[in-house]
Amino acid sequence: MITLKRRGSVGVADAPPDGSPAQESSVDVDAVAPLGDDVPATDRTADVDEGEQKLPATETRRTAWRRILVYGVLPGLALILAMAGGYFKWQYSSVHDSQTAAAESL
């Protein structure tokens, strides 16, 4: 059986504020509730502060536009520019080679 300790229950030795040695305290049976269908959902989350509550599963994460830009758009743009530069260099060398061949054939 899985148990849930409620806030304020003591399960380990707590040191008193006056500096004397710690004494063992036992867990109060009333402070421990079993997890299951018999425990209402409000009791399960009653000890969670409002700032610590997790977001519902239906909410989605925000889109990180900076990551999309840095890891997606910029590398894609660099690849397209490199491909365009290679294509134009190939066109230039093809035209230059054919002009050189035409001049040498006469």
N, C-alpha and C. Protein backbone atom coordinates (compact mmCIF):
# COMPACT_ATOMS: atom_id res chain seq x y z
N MET A 1 0.84 -1.17 0.00
CA MET A 1 0.00 0.00 0.00
C MET A 1 0.89 1.24 0.00
N ILE A 2 0.57 2.18 -0.87
CA ILE A 2 1.29 3.44 -0.95
C ILE A 2 0.60 4.43 -0.03
N THR A 3 1.38 5.15 0.75
CA THR A 3 0.78 6.13 1.65
C THR A 3 1.28 7.51 1.32
N LEU A 4 0.47 8.49 1.68
CA LEU A 4 0.79 9.88 1.45
C LEU A 4 0.86 10.59 2.78
N LYS A 5 2.00 11.20 3.08
CA LYS A 5 2.13 11.94 4.33
C LYS A 5 1.63 13.35 4.12
N ARG A 6 0.85 13.81 5.02
CA ARG A 6 0.35 15.18 4.94
C ARG A 6 1.35 16.14 5.55
N ARG A 7 1.26 17.37 5.16
CA ARG A 7 2.17 18.39 5.64
C ARG A 7 2.06 18.50 7.16
N GLY A 8 3.18 18.60 7.82
CA GLY A 8 3.20 18.74 9.27
C GLY A 8 3.44 17.43 10.00
N SER A 9 3.40 16.31 9.27
CA SER A 9 3.67 15.04 9.95
C SER A 9 5.17 14.88 10.12
N VAL A 10 5.57 14.18 11.17
CA VAL A 10 6.98 14.02 11.50
C VAL A 10 7.33 12.56 11.30
N GLY A 11 8.32 12.29 10.43
CA GLY A 11 8.73 10.92 10.20
C GLY A 11 10.19 10.67 10.53
N VAL A 12 10.94 11.70 10.78
CA VAL A 12 12.36 11.58 11.11
C VAL A 12 12.63 12.41 12.35
N ALA A 13 13.83 12.30 12.84
CA ALA A 13 14.20 13.02 14.05
C ALA A 13 14.32 14.51 13.73
N ASP A 14 13.67 15.33 14.52
CA ASP A 14 13.77 16.77 14.39
C ASP A 14 14.58 17.32 15.55
N ALA A 15 15.49 18.23 15.25
CA ALA A 15 16.30 18.83 16.31
C ALA A 15 15.51 19.95 16.95
N PRO A 16 15.43 19.97 18.28
CA PRO A 16 14.75 21.08 18.96
C PRO A 16 15.52 22.38 18.78
N PRO A 17 14.84 23.52 18.87
CA PRO A 17 15.52 24.80 18.64
C PRO A 17 16.52 25.17 19.72
N ASP A 18 16.50 24.52 20.90
CA ASP A 18 17.42 24.90 21.98
C ASP A 18 18.80 24.26 21.83
N GLY A 19 19.00 23.41 20.80
CA GLY A 19 20.31 22.83 20.55
C GLY A 19 20.54 21.50 21.23
N SER A 20 19.58 20.98 21.99
CA SER A 20 19.74 19.67 22.62
C SER A 20 19.65 18.58 21.55
N PRO A 21 20.12 17.36 21.86
CA PRO A 21 20.11 16.29 20.86
C PRO A 21 18.70 16.00 20.35
N ALA A 22 18.64 15.54 19.12
CA ALA A 22 17.36 15.24 18.47
C ALA A 22 16.74 14.00 19.08
N GLN A 23 15.43 14.02 19.13
CA GLN A 23 14.69 12.87 19.64
C GLN A 23 13.81 12.33 18.53
N GLU A 24 13.67 11.01 18.48
CA GLU A 24 12.83 10.37 17.47
C GLU A 24 11.37 10.64 17.78
N SER A 25 10.58 10.93 16.77
CA SER A 25 9.14 11.03 16.95
C SER A 25 8.49 10.07 15.96
N SER A 26 7.37 9.57 16.34
CA SER A 26 6.68 8.62 15.48
C SER A 26 5.66 9.36 14.61
N VAL A 27 5.29 8.73 13.52
CA VAL A 27 4.31 9.29 12.62
C VAL A 27 2.93 9.00 13.17
N ASP A 28 2.09 10.01 13.20
CA ASP A 28 0.73 9.84 13.68
C ASP A 28 -0.07 9.10 12.61
N VAL A 29 -0.80 8.09 13.01
CA VAL A 29 -1.57 7.27 12.07
C VAL A 29 -2.63 8.12 11.39
N ASP A 30 -3.17 9.11 12.07
CA ASP A 30 -4.20 9.96 11.47
C ASP A 30 -3.63 10.87 10.38
N ALA A 31 -2.32 11.11 10.40
CA ALA A 31 -1.70 12.01 9.44
C ALA A 31 -1.34 11.30 8.14
N VAL A 32 -1.54 10.01 8.04
CA VAL A 32 -1.18 9.25 6.85
C VAL A 32 -2.46 8.75 6.20
N ALA A 33 -2.61 9.04 4.91
CA ALA A 33 -3.80 8.60 4.19
C ALA A 33 -3.40 7.69 3.04
N PRO A 34 -4.10 6.61 2.78
CA PRO A 34 -3.77 5.74 1.66
C PRO A 34 -4.14 6.41 0.34
N LEU A 35 -3.36 6.14 -0.69
CA LEU A 35 -3.69 6.62 -2.04
C LEU A 35 -4.60 5.60 -2.69
N GLY A 36 -5.62 6.05 -3.27
CA GLY A 36 -6.53 5.14 -3.94
C GLY A 36 -7.81 5.85 -4.30
N ASP A 37 -8.83 5.09 -4.66
CA ASP A 37 -10.09 5.68 -5.08
C ASP A 37 -10.88 6.26 -3.92
N ASP A 38 -10.61 5.81 -2.70
CA ASP A 38 -11.38 6.29 -1.56
C ASP A 38 -10.93 7.67 -1.07
N VAL A 39 -9.80 8.18 -1.56
CA VAL A 39 -9.32 9.50 -1.16
C VAL A 39 -9.71 10.49 -2.25
N PRO A 40 -10.45 11.55 -1.93
CA PRO A 40 -10.84 12.52 -2.96
C PRO A 40 -9.62 13.21 -3.56
N ALA A 41 -9.76 13.67 -4.79
CA ALA A 41 -8.66 14.32 -5.49
C ALA A 41 -8.23 15.60 -4.80
N THR A 42 -9.14 16.26 -4.10
CA THR A 42 -8.76 17.49 -3.40
C THR A 42 -7.82 17.21 -2.26
N ASP A 43 -7.94 16.04 -1.61
CA ASP A 43 -7.02 15.68 -0.53
C ASP A 43 -5.64 15.36 -1.07
N ARG A 44 -5.56 14.85 -2.28
CA ARG A 44 -4.26 14.49 -2.85
C ARG A 44 -3.43 15.73 -3.17
N THR A 45 -4.09 16.81 -3.56
CA THR A 45 -3.36 18.01 -3.95
C THR A 45 -3.47 19.12 -2.91
N ALA A 46 -4.02 18.84 -1.76
CA ALA A 46 -4.23 19.87 -0.76
C ALA A 46 -2.92 20.43 -0.22
N ASP A 47 -1.85 19.65 -0.23
CA ASP A 47 -0.59 20.08 0.34
C ASP A 47 0.31 20.82 -0.65
N VAL A 48 -0.11 20.92 -1.88
CA VAL A 48 0.71 21.56 -2.91
C VAL A 48 0.40 23.05 -2.91
N ASP A 49 1.44 23.87 -2.83
CA ASP A 49 1.25 25.32 -2.90
C ASP A 49 0.78 25.69 -4.30
N GLU A 50 0.09 26.82 -4.40
CA GLU A 50 -0.41 27.24 -5.70
C GLU A 50 0.72 27.52 -6.68
N GLY A 51 1.86 28.00 -6.21
CA GLY A 51 2.99 28.28 -7.08
C GLY A 51 3.67 27.02 -7.57
N GLU A 52 3.49 25.91 -6.87
CA GLU A 52 4.15 24.66 -7.23
C GLU A 52 3.28 23.76 -8.10
N GLN A 53 2.03 24.13 -8.34
CA GLN A 53 1.15 23.27 -9.12
C GLN A 53 1.62 23.19 -10.55
N LYS A 54 1.52 22.00 -11.11
CA LYS A 54 1.93 21.79 -12.50
C LYS A 54 0.81 22.24 -13.42
N LEU A 55 1.18 22.60 -14.65
CA LEU A 55 0.19 23.00 -15.64
C LEU A 55 -0.62 21.79 -16.08
N PRO A 56 -1.87 22.00 -16.43
CA PRO A 56 -2.66 20.89 -16.93
C PRO A 56 -2.06 20.32 -18.21
N ALA A 57 -2.34 19.05 -18.46
CA ALA A 57 -1.77 18.37 -19.62
C ALA A 57 -2.30 18.93 -20.93
N THR A 58 -3.43 19.63 -20.90
CA THR A 58 -4.01 20.15 -22.13
C THR A 58 -3.29 21.38 -22.65
N GLU A 59 -2.56 22.10 -21.78
CA GLU A 59 -1.84 23.28 -22.24
C GLU A 59 -0.56 22.86 -22.95
N THR A 60 -0.22 23.57 -24.03
CA THR A 60 0.98 23.25 -24.80
C THR A 60 2.09 24.22 -24.45
N ARG A 61 3.30 23.83 -24.79
CA ARG A 61 4.45 24.70 -24.55
C ARG A 61 4.46 25.82 -25.57
N ARG A 62 5.05 26.94 -25.17
CA ARG A 62 5.20 28.04 -26.11
C ARG A 62 6.22 27.68 -27.16
N THR A 63 6.01 28.16 -28.36
CA THR A 63 6.94 27.90 -29.44
C THR A 63 8.16 28.79 -29.24
N ALA A 64 9.32 28.18 -29.26
CA ALA A 64 10.58 28.91 -29.08
C ALA A 64 11.04 29.40 -30.45
N TRP A 65 10.58 30.59 -30.81
CA TRP A 65 10.89 31.12 -32.14
C TRP A 65 12.37 31.36 -32.33
N ARG A 66 13.07 31.71 -31.28
CA ARG A 66 14.51 31.94 -31.40
C ARG A 66 15.22 30.64 -31.78
N ARG A 67 14.82 29.51 -31.16
CA ARG A 67 15.43 28.22 -31.49
C ARG A 67 15.10 27.82 -32.92
N ILE A 68 13.87 28.08 -33.37
CA ILE A 68 13.48 27.76 -34.74
C ILE A 68 14.33 28.57 -35.71
N LEU A 69 14.52 29.84 -35.40
CA LEU A 69 15.33 30.70 -36.27
C LEU A 69 16.79 30.25 -36.31
N VAL A 70 17.37 30.00 -35.13
CA VAL A 70 18.80 29.69 -35.05
C VAL A 70 19.11 28.30 -35.60
N TYR A 71 18.26 27.30 -35.28
CA TYR A 71 18.58 25.93 -35.67
C TYR A 71 17.85 25.46 -36.93
N GLY A 72 16.93 26.25 -37.45
CA GLY A 72 16.18 25.83 -38.62
C GLY A 72 16.33 26.76 -39.80
N VAL A 73 15.93 28.02 -39.62
CA VAL A 73 15.89 28.96 -40.74
C VAL A 73 17.29 29.38 -41.18
N LEU A 74 18.15 29.76 -40.25
CA LEU A 74 19.49 30.23 -40.65
C LEU A 74 20.32 29.14 -41.32
N PRO A 75 20.37 27.90 -40.79
CA PRO A 75 21.11 26.87 -41.52
C PRO A 75 20.50 26.57 -42.89
N GLY A 76 19.17 26.60 -42.98
CA GLY A 76 18.53 26.38 -44.28
C GLY A 76 18.89 27.48 -45.26
N LEU A 77 18.90 28.72 -44.78
CA LEU A 77 19.27 29.85 -45.64
C LEU A 77 20.73 29.74 -46.07
N ALA A 78 21.61 29.35 -45.18
CA ALA A 78 23.02 29.17 -45.53
C ALA A 78 23.19 28.07 -46.58
N LEU A 79 22.43 26.98 -46.44
CA LEU A 79 22.50 25.89 -47.41
C LEU A 79 22.01 26.35 -48.78
N ILE A 80 20.92 27.10 -48.83
CA ILE A 80 20.39 27.59 -50.10
C ILE A 80 21.38 28.55 -50.76
N LEU A 81 21.99 29.44 -49.97
CA LEU A 81 22.98 30.37 -50.53
C LEU A 81 24.21 29.62 -51.06
N ALA A 82 24.65 28.60 -50.36
CA ALA A 82 25.80 27.81 -50.83
C ALA A 82 25.45 27.08 -52.12
N MET A 83 24.25 26.53 -52.20
CA MET A 83 23.83 25.83 -53.42
C MET A 83 23.72 26.80 -54.60
N ALA A 84 23.18 28.01 -54.34
CA ALA A 84 23.07 29.01 -55.41
C ALA A 84 24.45 29.46 -55.86
N GLY A 85 25.36 29.66 -54.91
CA GLY A 85 26.73 30.04 -55.29
C GLY A 85 27.42 28.97 -56.11
N GLY A 86 27.24 27.71 -55.75
CA GLY A 86 27.82 26.62 -56.54
C GLY A 86 27.22 26.53 -57.93
N TYR A 87 25.92 26.73 -58.02
CA TYR A 87 25.26 26.69 -59.34
C TYR A 87 25.80 27.80 -60.25
N PHE A 88 25.87 29.03 -59.70
CA PHE A 88 26.35 30.14 -60.53
C PHE A 88 27.82 29.99 -60.89
N LYS A 89 28.63 29.41 -60.03
CA LYS A 89 30.03 29.17 -60.37
C LYS A 89 30.13 28.13 -61.48
N TRP A 90 29.29 27.10 -61.40
CA TRP A 90 29.28 26.08 -62.45
C TRP A 90 28.85 26.69 -63.79
N GLN A 91 27.81 27.56 -63.75
CA GLN A 91 27.35 28.23 -64.98
C GLN A 91 28.47 29.09 -65.57
N TYR A 92 29.15 29.85 -64.72
CA TYR A 92 30.22 30.72 -65.18
C TYR A 92 31.34 29.90 -65.82
N SER A 93 31.75 28.82 -65.14
CA SER A 93 32.87 28.03 -65.69
C SER A 93 32.45 27.31 -66.98
N SER A 94 31.20 26.91 -67.10
CA SER A 94 30.73 26.26 -68.34
C SER A 94 30.75 27.24 -69.51
N VAL A 95 30.25 28.46 -69.27
CA VAL A 95 30.24 29.47 -70.33
C VAL A 95 31.67 29.87 -70.68
N HIS A 96 32.52 30.04 -69.66
CA HIS A 96 33.91 30.43 -69.90
C HIS A 96 34.65 29.36 -70.68
N ASP A 97 34.45 28.10 -70.32
CA ASP A 97 35.12 27.02 -71.03
C ASP A 97 34.64 26.93 -72.47
N SER A 98 33.36 27.11 -72.72
CA SER A 98 32.87 27.04 -74.10
C SER A 98 33.36 28.23 -74.93
N GLN A 99 33.51 29.42 -74.35
CA GLN A 99 34.04 30.57 -75.06
C GLN A 99 35.53 30.36 -75.36
N THR A 100 36.25 29.77 -74.42
CA THR A 100 37.66 29.49 -74.64
C THR A 100 37.83 28.45 -75.73
N ALA A 101 37.01 27.43 -75.74
CA ALA A 101 37.09 26.40 -76.80
C ALA A 101 36.74 26.99 -78.16
N ALA A 102 35.75 27.90 -78.19
CA ALA A 102 35.37 28.52 -79.45
C ALA A 102 36.49 29.41 -79.97
N ALA A 103 37.18 30.12 -79.10
CA ALA A 103 38.28 30.99 -79.54
C ALA A 103 39.48 30.18 -80.00
N GLU A 104 39.74 29.05 -79.40
CA GLU A 104 40.90 28.24 -79.76
C GLU A 104 40.65 27.42 -81.01
N SER A 105 39.42 27.22 -81.40
CA SER A 105 39.12 26.39 -82.57
C SER A 105 39.34 27.14 -83.87
N LEU A 106 39.45 28.42 -83.84
CA LEU A 106 39.66 29.18 -85.07
C LEU A 106 41.07 29.24 -85.45
